[in-house]
C-alpha atoms as a PDB file:
ATOM      1  CA  MET A   1      90.623-168.375 -14.146  1.00  0.00           C
ATOM      2  CA  VAL A   2      93.903-170.471 -15.741  1.00  0.00           C
ATOM      3  CA  VAL A   3      91.235-172.419 -17.829  1.00  0.00           C
ATOM      4  CA  SER A   4      90.198-168.794 -19.624  1.00  0.00           C
ATOM      5  CA  LEU A   5      94.211-168.275 -19.935  1.00  0.00           C
ATOM      6  CA  VAL A   6      94.892-171.665 -21.404  1.00  0.00           C
ATOM      7  CA  GLY A   7      91.463-171.075 -23.829  1.00  0.00           C
ATOM      8  CA  ILE A   8      92.767-167.622 -25.050  1.00  0.00           C
ATOM      9  CA  ALA A   9      96.503-168.825 -25.785  1.00  0.00           C
ATOM     10  CA  LEU A  10      94.832-171.595 -27.788  1.00  0.00           C
ATOM     11  CA  LEU A  11      92.436-169.196 -29.314  1.00  0.00           C
ATOM     12  CA  ALA A  12      95.360-167.179 -30.464  1.00  0.00           C
ATOM     13  CA  ALA A  13      97.672-169.941 -31.109  1.00  0.00           C
ATOM     14  CA  ALA A  14      94.877-170.799 -34.106  1.00  0.00           C
ATOM     15  CA  VAL A  15      94.455-167.380 -35.088  1.00  0.00           C
ATOM     16  CA  LEU A  16      98.470-167.381 -35.775  1.00  0.00           C
ATOM     17  CA  LEU A  17      98.527-170.536 -37.324  1.00  0.00           C
ATOM     18  CA  LEU A  18      95.504-169.417 -40.094  1.00  0.00           C
ATOM     19  CA  CYS A  19      96.818-166.541 -40.916  1.00  0.00           C
ATOM     20  CA  ALA A  20     100.171-168.464 -41.361  1.00  0.00           C
ATOM     21  CA  MET A  21      98.304-171.226 -43.759  1.00  0.00           C
ATOM     22  CA  GLU A  22      96.601-168.344 -45.480  1.00  0.00           C
ATOM     23  CA  TRP A  23      99.558-165.623 -45.949  1.00  0.00           C
ATOM     24  CA  PRO A  24     100.342-166.618 -49.665  1.00  0.00           C
ATOM     25  CA  ARG A  25      96.747-165.392 -50.174  1.00  0.00           C
ATOM     26  CA  ILE A  26      96.512-162.412 -47.946  1.00  0.00           C
ATOM     27  CA  ALA A  27      99.758-161.230 -49.792  1.00  0.00           C
ATOM     28  CA  ARG A  28      98.160-161.786 -53.337  1.00  0.00           C
ATOM     29  CA  ILE A  29      95.023-159.047 -51.908  1.00  0.00           C
ATOM     30  CA  VAL A  30      96.529-156.560 -50.202  1.00  0.00           C
ATOM     31  CA  PRO A  31      98.074-154.988 -53.223  1.00  0.00           C
ATOM     32  CA  GLU A  32      95.435-155.579 -55.087  1.00  0.00           C
ATOM     33  CA  MET A  33      93.693-153.234 -53.024  1.00  0.00           C
ATOM     34  CA  LYS A  34      96.064-150.523 -53.405  1.00  0.00           C
ATOM     35  CA  THR A  35      95.741-150.712 -57.555  1.00  0.00           C
ATOM     36  CA  PRO A  36      92.810-148.567 -58.236  1.00  0.00           C
ATOM     37  CA  ARG A  37      94.389-145.617 -57.048  1.00  0.00           C
ATOM     38  CA  LYS A  38      98.019-146.362 -59.304  1.00  0.00           C
ATOM     39  CA  ARG A  39      95.425-147.417 -61.902  1.00  0.00           C
ATOM     40  CA  ARG A  40      93.396-144.255 -62.020  1.00  0.00           C
ATOM     41  CA  ARG A  41      96.700-142.210 -61.706  1.00  0.00           C
ATOM     42  CA  ARG A  42      98.195-144.563 -64.533  1.00  0.00           C
ATOM     43  CA  LYS A  43      95.714-143.727 -66.954  1.00  0.00           C
ATOM     44  CA  THR A  44      95.218-140.130 -66.501  1.00  0.00           C
ATOM     45  CA  HIS A  45      97.172-139.352 -69.583  1.00  0.00           C
ATOM     46  CA  LEU A  46      95.499-142.154 -72.244  1.00  0.00           C
ATOM     47  CA  ARG A  47      92.985-141.267 -74.264  1.00  0.00           C
ATOM     48  CA  VAL A  48      91.035-143.487 -76.832  1.00  0.00           C
ATOM     49  CA  ASP A  49      91.515-143.019 -80.297  1.00  0.00           C
ATOM     50  CA  GLN A  50      88.025-143.679 -82.684  1.00  0.00           C
ATOM     51  CA  ASN A  51      89.336-144.387 -86.160  1.00  0.00           C
ATOM     52  CA  ASP A  52      85.748-144.806 -88.451  1.00  0.00           C
ATOM     53  CA  ASP A  53      87.722-146.417 -91.478  1.00  0.00           C
ATOM     54  CA  GLU A  54      88.963-149.317 -88.687  1.00  0.00           C
ATOM     55  CA  SER A  55      85.124-149.597 -86.932  1.00  0.00           C
ATOM     56  CA  ASP A  56      83.479-149.362 -90.601  1.00  0.00           C
ATOM     57  CA  GLU A  57      85.705-152.144 -91.919  1.00  0.00           C
ATOM     58  CA  PHE A  58      85.393-154.277 -88.503  1.00  0.00           C
ATOM     59  CA  ALA A  59      81.485-153.715 -88.852  1.00  0.00           C
ATOM     60  CA  ARG A  60      81.973-155.217 -92.779  1.00  0.00           C
ATOM     61  CA  SER A  61      84.088-158.305 -91.011  1.00  0.00           C
ATOM     62  CA  VAL A  62      81.644-159.088 -88.394  1.00  0.00           C
ATOM     63  CA  GLN A  63      78.523-158.891 -91.273  1.00  0.00           C
ATOM     64  CA  ARG A  64      80.664-161.128 -93.409  1.00  0.00           C
ATOM     65  CA  ASP A  65      81.615-163.575 -91.042  1.00  0.00           C
ATOM     66  CA  LEU A  66      77.522-163.750 -89.800  1.00  0.00           C
ATOM     67  CA  ALA A  67      76.678-164.724 -93.481  1.00  0.00           C
ATOM     68  CA  ASN A  68      79.020-167.445 -93.818  1.00  0.00           C
ATOM     69  CA  LEU A  69      78.034-168.940 -90.507  1.00  0.00           C
ATOM     70  CA  PRO A  70      75.920-172.215 -91.423  1.00  0.00           C
ATOM     71  CA  THR A  71      72.276-172.584 -90.797  1.00  0.00           C
ATOM     72  CA  ILE A  72      70.029-174.757 -89.624  1.00  0.00           C
ATOM     73  CA  ASP A  73      66.517-175.391 -91.719  1.00  0.00           C
ATOM     74  CA  GLU A  74      63.214-176.170 -89.279  1.00  0.00           C
ATOM     75  CA  ARG A  75      62.868-179.505 -91.380  1.00  0.00           C
ATOM     76  CA  ASP A  76      66.642-180.435 -90.361  1.00  0.00           C
ATOM     77  CA  ARG A  77      66.081-179.252 -86.197  1.00  0.00           C
ATOM     78  CA  ARG A  78      63.107-181.262 -86.310  1.00  0.00           C
ATOM     79  CA  ARG A  79      65.310-184.762 -87.538  1.00  0.00           C
END
């Protein structure tokens, strides 16, 4: 009976030590678990603003950048 009490006490001490060592990580994780509800409440008033002029300009910019990229010919790749 004495051995089992000592074993339980050592196990409890190990668990407490582990919790003390990992407390910074635990403290970061616990608030992150609550954020989805807060984020949902915060985002209810947000909306997406689609400006066609900007998206067209962005598409043209991407096409222009892609056209200006250097290319490798098949002959150059073999060398």
